[in-house]
Amino acid sequence: MSRESSLEERALVVGGRPLIPGLGEVILEAPRLARELRPGQFLMARVSPWQDPLLGRPLGVSAVRGSQITLMVAALGRGSRALLALRPGAEVTLRGPLGTPFPPPAQAPLVLAGGGFGVAPLMYAWDELRAGRGEVPTVVLGVPDGSWAPLERLVAHRVGNHRRVFSDDGSLGERGTPCDALEGAGEVWACGPPAMIRAMARCAPPEMRLLVNLDQRMGCGYGGCLGCTVPTVRGPVRACVEGPFFDARDVDWGALEELEGRS
């Protein structure tokens, strides 16, 4: 979505909770953006009205309930740590909706595969698919170990039995990775760390539509700075406009690896 078509809204913090160290949810009252958001899109958030940090933080939406938006936030820098520290009554500047929504699923059954906090936008998609299309996809959560149990409980609360959980060491759910959930899937939407995304792109059958989130570094969020360019077989595109989800078959993985190696 372009800068001209995005909204900026002063949102009010109304709640939130920690999940595991360095990861939590923040609930915001943002009625205008809540009406416009669609699964697959994201928001840029600024905590301070001053120029520190200078840039907003791109954040995935894990739920929209009426006029309230829930963000899952990982403490990866000053801006995200400040956001997690906010208390009810604080204000946050949000800009969005940004990016391109998910397309309609093309092939059943649909699997939504999230690595760690990458599951956030997929839970939002699960809500909307169930409510709007009557589809109930399977949500797959992949984590390193049992220390991520609070996130697993959140996923269980949101999607019930429509889930599979994998951990690297087998201490939570099944031993394995989200790649182990590809068998029998008609289509997969995946969001998670780069290693997981690359592994799923290698594991997916060539005929499968696998939509992957490519979390490139973002500056402006609306395509002006070209800081989040993704090389594809059709040429470079912007993760914040044409993405952040891409068909894995369209990504030039070799060029992407070279680009990341230079950054």
Protein backbone atom coordinates (compact mmCIF):
# COMPACT_ATOMS: atom_id res chain seq x y z
CA MET A 1 0.00 0.00 0.00
CA SER A 2 1.34 3.44 -0.91
CA ARG A 3 2.01 6.29 1.46
CA GLU A 4 -0.97 8.17 0.06
CA SER A 5 -3.40 5.32 0.78
CA SER A 6 -2.13 4.44 4.25
CA LEU A 7 -3.50 5.91 7.47
CA GLU A 8 -1.74 7.33 10.49
CA GLU A 9 -3.55 6.93 13.78
CA ARG A 10 -2.74 7.74 17.38
CA ALA A 11 -3.62 4.49 19.11
CA LEU A 12 -4.22 4.03 22.82
CA VAL A 13 -2.66 1.12 24.70
CA VAL A 14 -5.50 -0.73 26.45
CA GLY A 15 -3.75 -3.91 27.53
CA GLY A 16 -1.05 -6.45 26.94
CA ARG A 17 0.87 -9.26 28.55
CA PRO A 18 4.30 -10.87 28.49
CA LEU A 19 4.57 -14.34 26.95
CA ILE A 20 8.19 -15.31 27.36
CA PRO A 21 11.23 -13.11 28.13
CA GLY A 22 11.54 -10.62 25.29
CA LEU A 23 8.18 -11.41 23.71
CA GLY A 24 4.71 -10.11 24.51
CA GLU A 25 1.40 -8.83 23.24
CA VAL A 26 0.27 -5.21 23.11
CA ILE A 27 -3.42 -4.39 22.60
CA LEU A 28 -4.26 -1.03 21.03
CA GLU A 29 -7.47 0.89 20.49
CA ALA A 30 -7.24 1.96 16.84
CA PRO A 31 -10.70 1.98 15.25
CA ARG A 32 -9.78 3.38 11.84
CA LEU A 33 -6.95 0.95 11.21
CA ALA A 34 -8.94 -1.95 12.64
CA ARG A 35 -11.56 -1.36 9.94
CA GLU A 36 -9.01 -1.25 7.12
CA LEU A 37 -6.58 -4.04 8.02
CA ARG A 38 -6.57 -7.35 6.18
CA PRO A 39 -4.58 -10.51 7.00
CA GLY A 40 -1.10 -10.44 5.53
CA GLN A 41 -0.69 -6.70 6.01
CA PHE A 42 1.38 -5.06 8.74
CA LEU A 43 1.75 -1.79 10.63
CA MET A 44 4.60 0.60 11.38
CA ALA A 45 4.64 1.69 15.02
CA ARG A 46 6.36 4.65 16.65
CA VAL A 47 6.41 4.91 20.43
CA SER A 48 7.96 8.33 20.83
CA PRO A 49 6.62 11.58 19.32
CA TRP A 50 10.27 12.66 19.06
CA GLN A 51 12.81 11.46 16.51
CA ASP A 52 14.26 8.74 18.73
CA PRO A 53 14.14 6.07 17.49
CA LEU A 54 14.00 7.76 14.11
CA LEU A 55 12.18 4.99 12.21
CA GLY A 56 8.98 3.14 12.99
CA ARG A 57 9.00 -0.59 13.69
CA PRO A 58 7.24 -2.99 11.29
CA LEU A 59 4.94 -5.26 13.29
CA GLY A 60 2.64 -8.13 12.42
CA VAL A 61 -0.96 -8.15 13.59
CA SER A 62 -2.04 -11.20 15.58
CA ALA A 63 -5.70 -10.25 16.09
CA VAL A 64 -8.35 -7.64 15.32
CA ARG A 65 -11.33 -7.54 17.67
CA GLY A 66 -13.78 -4.76 16.91
CA SER A 67 -11.82 -1.52 17.26
CA GLN A 68 -8.82 -3.16 18.94
CA ILE A 69 -5.63 -4.45 17.33
CA THR A 70 -3.31 -6.94 19.00
CA LEU A 71 0.37 -6.84 18.08
CA MET A 72 2.91 -9.51 19.00
CA VAL A 73 6.16 -7.73 19.76
CA ALA A 74 9.66 -9.18 20.11
CA ALA A 75 12.20 -7.03 21.94
CA LEU A 76 14.73 -6.79 19.13
CA GLY A 77 15.78 -3.15 19.57
CA ARG A 78 15.08 0.09 21.42
CA GLY A 79 11.79 0.77 19.69
CA SER A 80 10.29 -2.67 20.30
CA ARG A 81 11.54 -2.76 23.90
CA ALA A 82 9.93 0.62 24.52
CA LEU A 83 6.65 -0.62 23.03
CA LEU A 84 6.59 -3.66 25.31
CA ALA A 85 7.20 -1.41 28.32
CA LEU A 86 4.14 0.77 27.70
CA ARG A 87 1.26 0.71 30.15
CA PRO A 88 -2.48 1.23 29.50
CA GLY A 89 -3.19 4.83 28.65
CA ALA A 90 0.02 5.39 26.68
CA GLU A 91 -0.17 6.43 23.03
CA VAL A 92 1.47 4.86 19.99
CA THR A 93 1.56 6.23 16.45
CA LEU A 94 0.54 3.57 13.94
CA ARG A 95 0.76 3.79 10.17
CA GLY A 96 -0.87 1.34 7.81
CA PRO A 97 -2.28 -0.88 6.59
CA LEU A 98 0.95 -1.65 4.73
CA GLY A 99 1.78 -4.43 2.33
CA THR A 100 -0.42 -6.72 0.28
CA PRO A 101 -3.09 -8.94 1.89
CA PHE A 102 -3.05 -12.70 1.51
CA PRO A 103 -4.69 -13.92 -1.70
CA PRO A 104 -7.59 -16.35 -1.42
CA PRO A 105 -6.34 -19.90 -0.82
CA ALA A 106 -5.97 -21.80 -4.08
CA GLN A 107 -5.72 -25.37 -2.86
CA ALA A 108 -6.97 -27.23 0.23
CA PRO A 109 -6.00 -28.21 2.80
CA LEU A 110 -4.32 -24.98 3.89
CA VAL A 111 -1.55 -25.04 6.49
CA LEU A 112 -0.38 -21.90 8.32
CA ALA A 113 3.18 -22.49 9.53
CA GLY A 114 4.77 -20.11 12.02
CA GLY A 115 8.23 -20.20 13.54
CA GLY A 116 8.21 -18.65 17.01
CA PHE A 117 6.53 -15.25 17.02
CA GLY A 118 6.13 -15.58 13.24
CA VAL A 119 2.87 -17.34 14.07
CA ALA A 120 1.27 -13.96 14.91
CA PRO A 121 -0.01 -12.87 11.46
CA LEU A 122 -1.08 -16.44 10.75
CA MET A 123 -3.41 -16.51 13.75
CA TYR A 124 -5.03 -13.33 12.43
CA ALA A 125 -5.40 -15.02 9.04
CA TRP A 126 -6.89 -18.10 10.75
CA ASP A 127 -9.54 -15.96 12.45
CA GLU A 128 -10.56 -14.29 9.20
CA LEU A 129 -10.58 -17.48 7.12
CA ARG A 130 -12.80 -19.22 9.64
CA ALA A 131 -15.18 -16.27 9.95
CA GLY A 132 -15.31 -15.19 6.30
CA ARG A 133 -14.89 -18.38 4.27
CA GLY A 134 -15.83 -21.09 6.76
CA GLU A 135 -12.37 -22.64 6.32
CA VAL A 136 -10.48 -24.00 9.30
CA PRO A 137 -6.80 -24.35 8.38
CA THR A 138 -4.23 -26.10 10.55
CA VAL A 139 -1.85 -23.79 12.40
CA VAL A 140 1.66 -25.21 12.79
CA LEU A 141 3.96 -23.74 15.43
CA GLY A 142 7.68 -24.45 15.38
CA VAL A 143 9.86 -23.51 18.37
CA PRO A 144 13.31 -24.41 19.70
CA ASP A 145 12.26 -25.99 23.01
CA GLY A 146 9.83 -26.12 25.92
CA SER A 147 10.62 -22.60 27.11
CA TRP A 148 8.17 -21.44 24.43
CA ALA A 149 5.24 -23.17 26.15
CA PRO A 150 3.41 -19.87 26.92
CA LEU A 151 3.25 -19.13 23.20
CA GLU A 152 1.98 -22.64 22.52
CA ARG A 153 -0.77 -22.12 25.10
CA LEU A 154 -1.77 -18.89 23.37
CA VAL A 155 -2.00 -20.68 20.03
CA ALA A 156 -4.03 -23.46 21.64
CA HIS A 157 -6.42 -20.90 23.13
CA ARG A 158 -6.86 -19.22 19.75
CA VAL A 159 -7.23 -22.21 17.41
CA GLY A 160 -8.05 -25.14 19.69
CA ASN A 161 -7.28 -28.56 18.23
CA HIS A 162 -6.58 -27.14 14.78
CA ARG A 163 -2.85 -27.04 15.47
CA ARG A 164 0.38 -29.00 15.41
CA VAL A 165 3.42 -28.09 17.48
CA PHE A 166 7.03 -28.99 16.74
CA SER A 167 10.13 -28.32 18.79
CA ASP A 168 13.74 -28.94 17.85
CA ASP A 169 14.38 -31.10 20.92
CA GLY A 170 10.94 -32.69 21.27
CA SER A 171 10.27 -31.10 24.65
CA LEU A 172 7.14 -29.35 23.33
CA GLY A 173 4.80 -31.12 20.95
CA GLU A 174 6.41 -33.31 18.31
CA ARG A 175 10.12 -33.47 17.66
CA GLY A 176 10.83 -31.81 14.35
CA THR A 177 10.23 -28.59 12.41
CA PRO A 178 7.36 -27.05 10.43
CA CYS A 179 8.77 -28.80 7.33
CA ASP A 180 7.38 -32.02 8.80
CA ALA A 181 3.86 -30.62 8.35
CA LEU A 182 4.15 -30.19 4.58
CA GLU A 183 3.09 -33.72 3.74
CA GLY A 184 -0.55 -33.77 2.69
CA ALA A 185 -0.86 -29.96 2.56
CA GLY A 186 -2.39 -28.38 -0.51
CA GLU A 187 -1.05 -24.90 0.21
CA VAL A 188 1.15 -23.39 2.93
CA TRP A 189 1.56 -19.86 4.26
CA ALA A 190 4.76 -19.53 6.31
CA CYS A 191 6.22 -16.86 8.55
CA GLY A 192 9.29 -17.25 10.73
CA PRO A 193 13.05 -16.88 10.96
CA PRO A 194 15.06 -16.93 7.72
CA ALA A 195 16.48 -20.41 8.33
CA MET A 196 12.97 -21.85 8.66
CA ILE A 197 11.73 -20.04 5.56
CA ARG A 198 14.64 -21.30 3.46
CA ALA A 199 14.16 -24.84 4.75
CA MET A 200 10.47 -24.79 3.84
CA ALA A 201 11.24 -23.45 0.37
CA ARG A 202 13.64 -26.37 -0.14
CA CYS A 203 11.20 -28.94 1.26
CA ALA A 204 8.05 -27.83 -0.55
CA PRO A 205 7.07 -29.78 -3.69
CA PRO A 206 7.50 -27.64 -6.82
CA GLU A 207 3.77 -27.73 -7.57
CA MET A 208 2.80 -26.39 -4.12
CA ARG A 209 1.95 -22.74 -3.57
CA LEU A 210 4.08 -21.80 -0.58
CA LEU A 211 3.70 -18.18 0.50
CA VAL A 212 6.66 -17.04 2.60
CA ASN A 213 7.18 -13.94 4.68
CA LEU A 214 10.50 -12.28 3.86
CA ASP A 215 11.35 -10.03 6.79
CA GLN A 216 13.67 -7.60 5.08
CA ARG A 217 14.93 -4.53 6.93
CA MET A 218 12.36 -1.79 6.43
CA GLY A 219 12.86 1.93 6.64
CA CYS A 220 9.81 3.81 5.43
CA GLY A 221 7.23 1.02 5.06
CA TYR A 222 5.63 2.31 1.85
CA GLY A 223 8.24 1.64 -0.84
CA GLY A 224 10.04 4.97 -1.01
CA CYS A 225 13.43 4.06 0.43
CA LEU A 226 13.89 0.75 -1.44
CA GLY A 227 15.53 -0.66 1.67
CA CYS A 228 13.53 -3.89 1.68
CA THR A 229 14.06 -5.00 -1.92
CA VAL A 230 13.49 -8.69 -2.65
CA PRO A 231 14.99 -10.22 -5.83
CA THR A 232 12.49 -12.30 -7.77
CA VAL A 233 12.51 -14.10 -11.09
CA ARG A 234 10.63 -11.11 -12.52
CA GLY A 235 13.01 -8.52 -11.07
CA PRO A 236 13.30 -6.68 -7.75
CA VAL A 237 10.17 -5.91 -5.74
CA ARG A 238 9.58 -4.25 -2.36
CA ALA A 239 8.67 -6.36 0.65
CA CYS A 240 6.70 -3.49 2.19
CA VAL A 241 4.49 -3.00 -0.90
CA GLU A 242 4.33 -6.15 -3.03
CA GLY A 243 5.01 -8.32 0.06
CA PRO A 244 5.65 -9.11 2.79
CA PHE A 245 4.45 -12.57 1.64
CA PHE A 246 5.74 -13.99 -1.64
CA ASP A 247 5.24 -17.19 -3.58
CA ALA A 248 8.45 -19.10 -2.86
CA ARG A 249 8.63 -20.15 -6.52
CA ASP A 250 8.97 -16.49 -7.54
CA VAL A 251 11.89 -15.66 -5.21
CA ASP A 252 15.41 -15.65 -6.61
CA TRP A 253 16.91 -17.41 -3.59
CA GLY A 254 20.49 -17.23 -4.84
CA ALA A 255 20.32 -13.48 -5.40
CA LEU A 256 18.58 -13.01 -2.05
CA GLU A 257 21.39 -14.84 -0.26
CA GLU A 258 23.97 -12.63 -1.97
CA LEU A 259 22.02 -9.51 -1.05
CA GLU A 260 21.76 -10.56 2.61
CA GLY A 261 25.46 -11.40 2.67
CA ARG A 262 26.32 -7.81 1.67
CA SER A 263 24.02 -6.20 4.27
